[in-house]
């Protein structure tokens, strides 16, 4: 009879990879919580209800972590992949501070466009290393482009 062995190192790799973006995203949420003015802003036609944002970002942070965890687990997380991953994560975490705390909507738009570029580069690099790791980034690419649209039109509508 064969018994299944649990590879705790693999499990730890994924737990750490997921916890980093989720915990940092939650910390950023706490930092900006007192500055949220989304309800008061004029928004474009496709703006989703505010409750959707924490749900979507939680899912995206989990997918981000799983994706990077795949690379780490398979030994494919080389230095360039790690650099782009952590660079986009830092840019991601600073955007809500720029948008909500500082209320620099135009700077936030430029910042999120830079984020979208980083996310696309990351998704392509991950895809070249591991197909699943790259494909898991597609919702993040789409959401970041959508968030760029929202940011631009909130800037325009709220001058």
N, C-alpha and C. Protein backbone atom coordinates (compact mmCIF):
# COMPACT_ATOMS: atom_id res chain seq x y z
N UNK A 1 0.85 -1.19 0.00
CA UNK A 1 0.00 0.00 0.00
C UNK A 1 0.89 1.25 0.00
N UNK A 2 0.55 2.17 -0.88
CA UNK A 2 1.32 3.41 -0.96
C UNK A 2 0.68 4.47 -0.07
N UNK A 3 1.51 5.19 0.60
CA UNK A 3 1.00 6.28 1.42
C UNK A 3 1.47 7.59 0.81
N UNK A 4 0.61 8.56 0.83
CA UNK A 4 0.94 9.88 0.30
C UNK A 4 1.79 10.62 1.32
N UNK A 5 2.84 11.23 0.84
CA UNK A 5 3.66 12.06 1.72
C UNK A 5 3.40 13.51 1.40
N UNK A 6 3.34 14.27 2.42
CA UNK A 6 3.09 15.71 2.26
C UNK A 6 4.43 16.42 2.14
N UNK A 7 4.56 17.18 1.09
CA UNK A 7 5.78 17.96 0.89
C UNK A 7 5.58 19.33 1.52
N UNK A 8 6.00 19.46 2.76
CA UNK A 8 5.79 20.70 3.51
C UNK A 8 6.55 21.87 2.91
N UNK A 9 7.67 21.62 2.26
CA UNK A 9 8.42 22.71 1.63
C UNK A 9 7.62 23.33 0.48
N UNK A 10 6.96 22.48 -0.29
CA UNK A 10 6.12 22.99 -1.39
C UNK A 10 4.95 23.79 -0.83
N UNK A 11 4.32 23.26 0.19
CA UNK A 11 3.18 23.96 0.80
C UNK A 11 3.63 25.31 1.35
N UNK A 12 4.77 25.31 2.03
CA UNK A 12 5.31 26.56 2.58
C UNK A 12 5.60 27.56 1.47
N UNK A 13 6.15 27.08 0.35
CA UNK A 13 6.44 27.96 -0.78
C UNK A 13 5.18 28.69 -1.23
N UNK A 14 4.09 27.96 -1.39
CA UNK A 14 2.83 28.56 -1.84
C UNK A 14 2.21 29.47 -0.77
N UNK A 15 2.25 29.05 0.48
CA UNK A 15 1.68 29.87 1.55
C UNK A 15 2.40 31.22 1.62
N UNK A 16 3.72 31.19 1.60
CA UNK A 16 4.50 32.44 1.66
C UNK A 16 4.22 33.29 0.41
N UNK A 17 4.21 32.64 -0.75
CA UNK A 17 3.99 33.38 -2.00
C UNK A 17 2.62 34.05 -2.02
N UNK A 18 1.62 33.41 -1.44
CA UNK A 18 0.28 34.00 -1.40
C UNK A 18 0.16 35.03 -0.29
N UNK A 19 0.74 34.75 0.88
CA UNK A 19 0.61 35.66 2.01
C UNK A 19 1.27 37.02 1.76
N UNK A 20 2.37 37.04 1.04
CA UNK A 20 3.06 38.32 0.82
C UNK A 20 2.15 39.34 0.13
N UNK A 21 1.62 39.06 -1.06
CA UNK A 21 0.75 40.08 -1.67
C UNK A 21 -0.55 40.31 -0.92
N UNK A 22 -1.13 39.25 -0.35
CA UNK A 22 -2.39 39.41 0.38
C UNK A 22 -2.18 40.28 1.62
N UNK A 23 -1.14 40.01 2.39
CA UNK A 23 -0.88 40.79 3.60
C UNK A 23 -0.52 42.23 3.28
N UNK A 24 0.31 42.42 2.26
CA UNK A 24 0.68 43.79 1.88
C UNK A 24 -0.52 44.55 1.32
N UNK A 25 -1.36 43.86 0.56
CA UNK A 25 -2.59 44.49 0.06
C UNK A 25 -3.51 44.88 1.20
N UNK A 26 -3.64 44.01 2.20
CA UNK A 26 -4.48 44.32 3.36
C UNK A 26 -3.91 45.51 4.14
N UNK A 27 -2.59 45.54 4.29
CA UNK A 27 -1.95 46.67 4.99
C UNK A 27 -2.21 47.98 4.24
N UNK A 28 -2.11 47.94 2.93
CA UNK A 28 -2.38 49.13 2.14
C UNK A 28 -3.84 49.55 2.31
N UNK A 29 -4.74 48.57 2.33
CA UNK A 29 -6.15 48.86 2.56
C UNK A 29 -6.38 49.57 3.88
N UNK A 30 -5.68 49.15 4.91
CA UNK A 30 -5.80 49.81 6.21
C UNK A 30 -5.26 51.24 6.15
N UNK A 31 -4.15 51.42 5.44
CA UNK A 31 -3.55 52.76 5.32
C UNK A 31 -4.51 53.73 4.64
N UNK A 32 -5.20 53.27 3.61
CA UNK A 32 -6.05 54.18 2.84
C UNK A 32 -7.49 54.24 3.35
N UNK A 33 -7.85 53.38 4.29
CA UNK A 33 -9.26 53.27 4.70
C UNK A 33 -9.88 54.59 5.15
N UNK A 34 -9.13 55.43 5.78
CA UNK A 34 -9.67 56.71 6.24
C UNK A 34 -9.72 57.78 5.16
N UNK A 35 -9.19 57.48 4.00
CA UNK A 35 -9.11 58.46 2.92
C UNK A 35 -9.97 58.11 1.72
N UNK A 36 -10.73 57.04 1.82
CA UNK A 36 -11.55 56.58 0.68
C UNK A 36 -12.65 57.59 0.38
N UNK A 37 -12.65 58.08 -0.84
CA UNK A 37 -13.69 59.03 -1.25
C UNK A 37 -14.37 58.56 -2.53
N UNK A 38 -14.29 57.28 -2.83
CA UNK A 38 -14.81 56.75 -4.09
C UNK A 38 -16.29 57.06 -4.26
N UNK A 39 -17.06 56.92 -3.18
CA UNK A 39 -18.51 57.18 -3.25
C UNK A 39 -18.82 58.61 -3.68
N UNK A 40 -17.99 59.56 -3.25
CA UNK A 40 -18.25 60.98 -3.52
C UNK A 40 -17.81 61.41 -4.92
N UNK A 41 -17.03 60.59 -5.58
CA UNK A 41 -16.50 60.96 -6.89
C UNK A 41 -17.51 60.72 -8.00
N UNK A 42 -17.44 61.58 -9.03
CA UNK A 42 -18.18 61.31 -10.26
C UNK A 42 -17.42 60.20 -10.97
N UNK A 43 -18.16 59.19 -11.42
CA UNK A 43 -17.52 58.01 -12.02
C UNK A 43 -18.04 57.77 -13.42
N UNK A 44 -17.23 57.12 -14.24
CA UNK A 44 -17.67 56.79 -15.60
C UNK A 44 -18.75 55.70 -15.59
N UNK A 45 -19.38 55.52 -16.71
CA UNK A 45 -20.52 54.60 -16.83
C UNK A 45 -20.20 53.17 -16.40
N UNK A 46 -19.02 52.69 -16.64
CA UNK A 46 -18.71 51.29 -16.35
C UNK A 46 -18.16 51.06 -14.95
N UNK A 47 -18.23 52.06 -14.09
CA UNK A 47 -17.69 51.92 -12.73
C UNK A 47 -18.50 50.88 -11.95
N UNK A 48 -17.81 49.88 -11.39
CA UNK A 48 -18.52 48.87 -10.61
C UNK A 48 -18.86 49.40 -9.22
N UNK A 49 -19.72 48.69 -8.49
CA UNK A 49 -20.02 49.12 -7.11
C UNK A 49 -18.77 48.98 -6.24
N UNK A 50 -18.64 49.85 -5.25
CA UNK A 50 -17.43 49.83 -4.40
C UNK A 50 -17.14 48.49 -3.74
N UNK A 51 -18.14 47.70 -3.42
CA UNK A 51 -17.93 46.42 -2.74
C UNK A 51 -17.12 45.46 -3.60
N UNK A 52 -17.14 45.66 -4.91
CA UNK A 52 -16.43 44.76 -5.81
C UNK A 52 -14.91 44.88 -5.70
N UNK A 53 -14.41 46.06 -5.37
CA UNK A 53 -12.96 46.29 -5.37
C UNK A 53 -12.19 45.40 -4.39
N UNK A 54 -12.57 45.33 -3.11
CA UNK A 54 -11.80 44.46 -2.21
C UNK A 54 -11.91 42.99 -2.59
N UNK A 55 -13.04 42.60 -3.16
CA UNK A 55 -13.20 41.20 -3.59
C UNK A 55 -12.26 40.90 -4.74
N UNK A 56 -12.29 41.76 -5.75
CA UNK A 56 -11.43 41.56 -6.93
C UNK A 56 -9.96 41.60 -6.53
N UNK A 57 -9.57 42.59 -5.73
CA UNK A 57 -8.15 42.69 -5.36
C UNK A 57 -7.71 41.51 -4.52
N UNK A 58 -8.57 40.99 -3.67
CA UNK A 58 -8.20 39.80 -2.89
C UNK A 58 -7.94 38.62 -3.82
N UNK A 59 -8.81 38.43 -4.78
CA UNK A 59 -8.63 37.34 -5.75
C UNK A 59 -7.35 37.55 -6.55
N UNK A 60 -7.12 38.78 -7.00
CA UNK A 60 -5.92 39.06 -7.79
C UNK A 60 -4.64 38.84 -6.99
N UNK A 61 -4.64 39.24 -5.73
CA UNK A 61 -3.45 39.01 -4.89
C UNK A 61 -3.20 37.52 -4.69
N UNK A 62 -4.28 36.75 -4.53
CA UNK A 62 -4.13 35.29 -4.39
C UNK A 62 -3.57 34.70 -5.69
N UNK A 63 -4.15 35.09 -6.82
CA UNK A 63 -3.65 34.59 -8.11
C UNK A 63 -2.20 34.98 -8.34
N UNK A 64 -1.87 36.21 -7.97
CA UNK A 64 -0.49 36.69 -8.08
C UNK A 64 0.45 35.79 -7.27
N UNK A 65 0.05 35.50 -6.05
CA UNK A 65 0.86 34.65 -5.19
C UNK A 65 0.98 33.23 -5.71
N UNK A 66 -0.12 32.67 -6.17
CA UNK A 66 -0.09 31.31 -6.72
C UNK A 66 0.83 31.27 -7.94
N UNK A 67 0.70 32.26 -8.79
CA UNK A 67 1.52 32.33 -10.00
C UNK A 67 3.01 32.38 -9.66
N UNK A 68 3.37 33.26 -8.74
CA UNK A 68 4.78 33.35 -8.35
C UNK A 68 5.19 32.08 -7.60
N UNK A 69 4.29 31.51 -6.82
CA UNK A 69 4.56 30.26 -6.13
C UNK A 69 4.88 29.13 -7.09
N UNK A 70 4.18 29.09 -8.21
CA UNK A 70 4.46 28.06 -9.23
C UNK A 70 5.91 28.19 -9.70
N UNK A 71 6.32 29.42 -9.99
CA UNK A 71 7.70 29.63 -10.44
C UNK A 71 8.70 29.23 -9.35
N UNK A 72 8.42 29.64 -8.12
CA UNK A 72 9.32 29.30 -7.01
C UNK A 72 9.38 27.79 -6.82
N UNK A 73 8.23 27.16 -6.83
CA UNK A 73 8.15 25.71 -6.60
C UNK A 73 8.92 24.93 -7.67
N UNK A 74 8.87 25.40 -8.89
CA UNK A 74 9.53 24.70 -10.00
C UNK A 74 10.97 25.16 -10.24
N UNK A 75 11.44 26.08 -9.38
CA UNK A 75 12.80 26.59 -9.55
C UNK A 75 12.95 27.49 -10.76
N UNK A 76 11.86 28.14 -11.16
CA UNK A 76 11.87 28.99 -12.35
C UNK A 76 11.85 30.48 -12.02
N UNK A 77 11.87 30.81 -10.75
CA UNK A 77 11.82 32.21 -10.32
C UNK A 77 13.23 32.78 -10.32
N UNK A 78 13.74 33.07 -11.51
CA UNK A 78 15.08 33.64 -11.62
C UNK A 78 15.06 35.10 -11.16
N UNK A 79 16.21 35.72 -11.10
CA UNK A 79 16.32 37.11 -10.61
C UNK A 79 15.47 38.08 -11.42
N UNK A 80 15.47 38.02 -12.77
CA UNK A 80 14.61 38.95 -13.51
C UNK A 80 13.12 38.76 -13.20
N UNK A 81 12.69 37.53 -13.05
CA UNK A 81 11.28 37.28 -12.72
C UNK A 81 10.95 37.83 -11.34
N UNK A 82 11.84 37.63 -10.39
CA UNK A 82 11.62 38.15 -9.03
C UNK A 82 11.61 39.68 -9.04
N UNK A 83 12.52 40.29 -9.79
CA UNK A 83 12.57 41.77 -9.84
C UNK A 83 11.28 42.35 -10.40
N UNK A 84 10.79 41.80 -11.51
CA UNK A 84 9.57 42.34 -12.11
C UNK A 84 8.37 42.07 -11.20
N UNK A 85 8.36 40.93 -10.56
CA UNK A 85 7.26 40.60 -9.65
C UNK A 85 7.20 41.59 -8.49
N UNK A 86 8.33 41.78 -7.82
CA UNK A 86 8.33 42.67 -6.66
C UNK A 86 8.21 44.14 -7.07
N UNK A 87 8.73 44.50 -8.24
CA UNK A 87 8.58 45.88 -8.72
C UNK A 87 7.10 46.20 -8.96
N UNK A 88 6.41 45.31 -9.65
CA UNK A 88 4.98 45.58 -9.90
C UNK A 88 4.19 45.57 -8.60
N UNK A 89 4.58 44.73 -7.66
CA UNK A 89 3.87 44.69 -6.38
C UNK A 89 4.03 46.01 -5.63
N UNK A 90 5.23 46.54 -5.61
CA UNK A 90 5.46 47.83 -4.95
C UNK A 90 4.68 48.95 -5.64
N UNK A 91 4.74 48.98 -6.97
CA UNK A 91 4.00 50.00 -7.73
C UNK A 91 2.50 49.84 -7.46
N UNK A 92 2.03 48.60 -7.43
CA UNK A 92 0.62 48.31 -7.15
C UNK A 92 0.22 48.86 -5.78
N UNK A 93 1.03 48.61 -4.77
CA UNK A 93 0.68 49.00 -3.41
C UNK A 93 0.74 50.50 -3.18
N UNK A 94 1.51 51.20 -3.99
CA UNK A 94 1.60 52.65 -3.85
C UNK A 94 0.47 53.39 -4.58
N UNK A 95 -0.11 52.75 -5.60
CA UNK A 95 -1.16 53.43 -6.36
C UNK A 95 -2.32 53.91 -5.48
N UNK A 96 -2.92 53.09 -4.61
CA UNK A 96 -4.05 53.60 -3.83
C UNK A 96 -3.67 54.74 -2.89
N UNK A 97 -2.44 54.77 -2.46
CA UNK A 97 -1.99 55.88 -1.62
C UNK A 97 -1.96 57.16 -2.45
N UNK A 98 -1.45 57.07 -3.66
CA UNK A 98 -1.42 58.23 -4.55
C UNK A 98 -2.84 58.68 -4.90
N UNK A 99 -3.71 57.71 -5.19
CA UNK A 99 -5.06 58.03 -5.63
C UNK A 99 -5.96 58.49 -4.48
N UNK A 100 -5.97 57.75 -3.38
CA UNK A 100 -6.92 58.04 -2.31
C UNK A 100 -6.37 58.95 -1.21
N UNK A 101 -5.15 58.73 -0.78
CA UNK A 101 -4.61 59.53 0.32
C UNK A 101 -4.14 60.89 -0.20
N UNK A 102 -3.30 60.88 -1.22
CA UNK A 102 -2.77 62.13 -1.76
C UNK A 102 -3.75 62.82 -2.70
N UNK A 103 -4.66 62.04 -3.28
CA UNK A 103 -5.67 62.54 -4.22
C UNK A 103 -5.05 63.18 -5.45
N UNK A 104 -3.92 62.64 -5.86
CA UNK A 104 -3.24 63.09 -7.07
C UNK A 104 -3.74 62.22 -8.22
N UNK A 105 -4.91 62.52 -8.73
CA UNK A 105 -5.58 61.65 -9.70
C UNK A 105 -4.81 61.52 -11.02
N UNK A 106 -4.23 62.62 -11.51
CA UNK A 106 -3.46 62.52 -12.76
C UNK A 106 -2.18 61.73 -12.55
N UNK A 107 -1.48 61.99 -11.47
CA UNK A 107 -0.27 61.22 -11.15
C UNK A 107 -0.64 59.75 -10.97
N UNK A 108 -1.77 59.50 -10.33
CA UNK A 108 -2.23 58.12 -10.13
C UNK A 108 -2.49 57.44 -11.48
N UNK A 109 -3.05 58.19 -12.44
CA UNK A 109 -3.28 57.61 -13.76
C UNK A 109 -1.96 57.24 -14.43
N UNK A 110 -1.00 58.12 -14.40
CA UNK A 110 0.31 57.82 -14.98
C UNK A 110 0.92 56.61 -14.26
N UNK A 111 0.78 56.58 -12.95
CA UNK A 111 1.31 55.49 -12.12
C UNK A 111 0.66 54.16 -12.50
N UNK A 112 -0.66 54.16 -12.68
CA UNK A 112 -1.34 52.90 -12.97
C UNK A 112 -1.06 52.43 -14.41
N UNK A 113 -0.80 53.36 -15.31
CA UNK A 113 -0.39 52.96 -16.65
C UNK A 113 0.98 52.27 -16.57
N UNK A 114 1.88 52.84 -15.76
CA UNK A 114 3.18 52.19 -15.54
C UNK A 114 2.98 50.81 -14.92
N UNK A 115 2.05 50.71 -13.98
CA UNK A 115 1.74 49.41 -13.37
C UNK A 115 1.25 48.43 -14.43
N UNK A 116 0.34 48.88 -15.30
CA UNK A 116 -0.18 47.99 -16.35
C UNK A 116 0.95 47.47 -17.23
N UNK A 117 1.89 48.34 -17.56
CA UNK A 117 3.04 47.92 -18.38
C UNK A 117 3.86 46.86 -17.62
N UNK A 118 4.13 47.12 -16.35
CA UNK A 118 4.87 46.15 -15.54
C UNK A 118 4.14 44.81 -15.44
N UNK A 119 2.84 44.86 -15.27
CA UNK A 119 2.05 43.64 -15.13
C UNK A 119 2.08 42.84 -16.44
N UNK A 120 1.98 43.53 -17.56
CA UNK A 120 2.04 42.85 -18.86
C UNK A 120 3.42 42.22 -19.05
N UNK A 121 4.47 42.96 -18.73
CA UNK A 121 5.83 42.40 -18.83
C UNK A 121 5.95 41.18 -17.92
N UNK A 122 5.43 41.29 -16.70
CA UNK A 122 5.49 40.17 -15.77
C UNK A 122 4.73 38.97 -16.31
N UNK A 123 3.53 39.18 -16.81
CA UNK A 123 2.72 38.08 -17.32
C UNK A 123 3.43 37.37 -18.47
N UNK A 124 4.03 38.14 -19.37
CA UNK A 124 4.76 37.55 -20.50
C UNK A 124 5.97 36.77 -20.00
N UNK A 125 6.74 37.35 -19.08
CA UNK A 125 7.92 36.66 -18.53
C UNK A 125 7.51 35.38 -17.82
N UNK A 126 6.45 35.46 -17.01
CA UNK A 126 5.98 34.27 -16.31
C UNK A 126 5.52 33.21 -17.30
N UNK A 127 4.79 33.64 -18.33
CA UNK A 127 4.28 32.70 -19.34
C UNK A 127 5.42 31.97 -20.04
N UNK A 128 6.49 32.70 -20.31
CA UNK A 128 7.65 32.08 -20.96
C UNK A 128 8.33 31.06 -20.05
N UNK A 129 8.21 31.26 -18.73
CA UNK A 129 8.81 30.33 -17.77
C UNK A 129 7.87 29.16 -17.49
N UNK A 130 6.57 29.46 -17.36
CA UNK A 130 5.58 28.43 -17.08
C UNK A 130 4.22 28.93 -17.56
N UNK A 131 3.58 28.18 -18.43
CA UNK A 131 2.32 28.61 -19.04
C UNK A 131 1.27 28.97 -17.99
N UNK A 132 1.05 28.10 -17.02
CA UNK A 132 0.03 28.35 -15.99
C UNK A 132 0.34 29.61 -15.20
N UNK A 133 1.60 29.81 -14.84
CA UNK A 133 1.99 31.00 -14.08
C UNK A 133 1.66 32.27 -14.86
N UNK A 134 1.89 32.24 -16.15
CA UNK A 134 1.57 33.40 -16.99
C UNK A 134 0.08 33.61 -17.16
N UNK A 135 -0.65 32.53 -17.41
CA UNK A 135 -2.10 32.64 -17.61
C UNK A 135 -2.81 33.12 -16.35
N UNK A 136 -2.30 32.75 -15.18
CA UNK A 136 -2.91 33.22 -13.93
C UNK A 136 -2.82 34.73 -13.77
N UNK A 137 -1.95 35.37 -14.53
CA UNK A 137 -1.81 36.82 -14.45
C UNK A 137 -2.79 37.56 -15.37
N UNK A 138 -3.46 36.85 -16.27
CA UNK A 138 -4.36 37.52 -17.22
C UNK A 138 -5.48 38.32 -16.54
N UNK A 139 -6.14 37.80 -15.50
CA UNK A 139 -7.15 38.64 -14.84
C UNK A 139 -6.55 39.93 -14.27
N UNK A 140 -5.33 39.87 -13.79
CA UNK A 140 -4.64 41.05 -13.26
C UNK A 140 -4.36 42.05 -14.38
N UNK A 141 -3.95 41.56 -15.53
CA UNK A 141 -3.72 42.44 -16.69
C UNK A 141 -5.02 43.15 -17.05
N UNK A 142 -6.09 42.38 -17.19
CA UNK A 142 -7.38 42.96 -17.58
C UNK A 142 -7.87 43.96 -16.54
N UNK A 143 -7.80 43.60 -15.28
CA UNK A 143 -8.28 44.49 -14.22
C UNK A 143 -7.45 45.77 -14.15
N UNK A 144 -6.15 45.66 -14.32
CA UNK A 144 -5.30 46.85 -14.26
C UNK A 144 -5.61 47.80 -15.43
N UNK A 145 -5.87 47.25 -16.59
CA UNK A 145 -6.27 48.09 -17.73
C UNK A 145 -7.62 48.75 -17.46
N UNK A 146 -8.55 47.99 -16.88
CA UNK A 146 -9.85 48.54 -16.52
C UNK A 146 -9.70 49.62 -15.45
N UNK A 147 -8.87 49.37 -14.46
CA UNK A 147 -8.63 50.37 -13.40
C UNK A 147 -7.99 51.62 -13.99
N UNK A 148 -7.18 51.47 -15.02
CA UNK A 148 -6.58 52.64 -15.69
C UNK A 148 -7.67 53.49 -16.33
N UNK A 149 -8.61 52.82 -16.99
CA UNK A 149 -9.77 53.52 -17.57
C UNK A 149 -10.54 54.28 -16.49
N UNK A 150 -10.84 53.59 -15.37
CA UNK A 150 -11.57 54.23 -14.28
C UNK A 150 -10.82 55.44 -13.75
N UNK A 151 -9.52 55.28 -13.52
CA UNK A 151 -8.69 56.35 -12.99
C UNK A 151 -8.71 57.56 -13.92
N UNK A 152 -8.53 57.32 -15.23
CA UNK A 152 -8.51 58.43 -16.19
C UNK A 152 -9.82 59.19 -16.17
N UNK A 153 -10.94 58.46 -16.24
CA UNK A 153 -12.22 59.15 -16.31
C UNK A 153 -12.62 59.76 -14.97
N UNK A 154 -12.20 59.22 -13.88
CA UNK A 154 -12.44 59.89 -12.59
C UNK A 154 -11.66 61.20 -12.56
N UNK A 155 -10.43 61.18 -13.06
CA UNK A 155 -9.64 62.43 -13.14
C UNK A 155 -10.37 63.44 -14.01
N UNK A 156 -10.82 63.02 -15.18
CA UNK A 156 -11.49 63.94 -16.14
C UNK A 156 -12.79 64.45 -15.54
N UNK A 157 -13.61 63.59 -14.99
CA UNK A 157 -14.92 63.97 -14.47
C UNK A 157 -14.88 64.81 -13.20
N UNK A 158 -13.78 64.69 -12.45
CA UNK A 158 -13.71 65.38 -11.16
C UNK A 158 -12.71 66.53 -11.17
N UNK A 159 -12.12 66.78 -12.35
CA UNK A 159 -11.17 67.85 -12.59
C UNK A 159 -10.47 68.31 -11.43
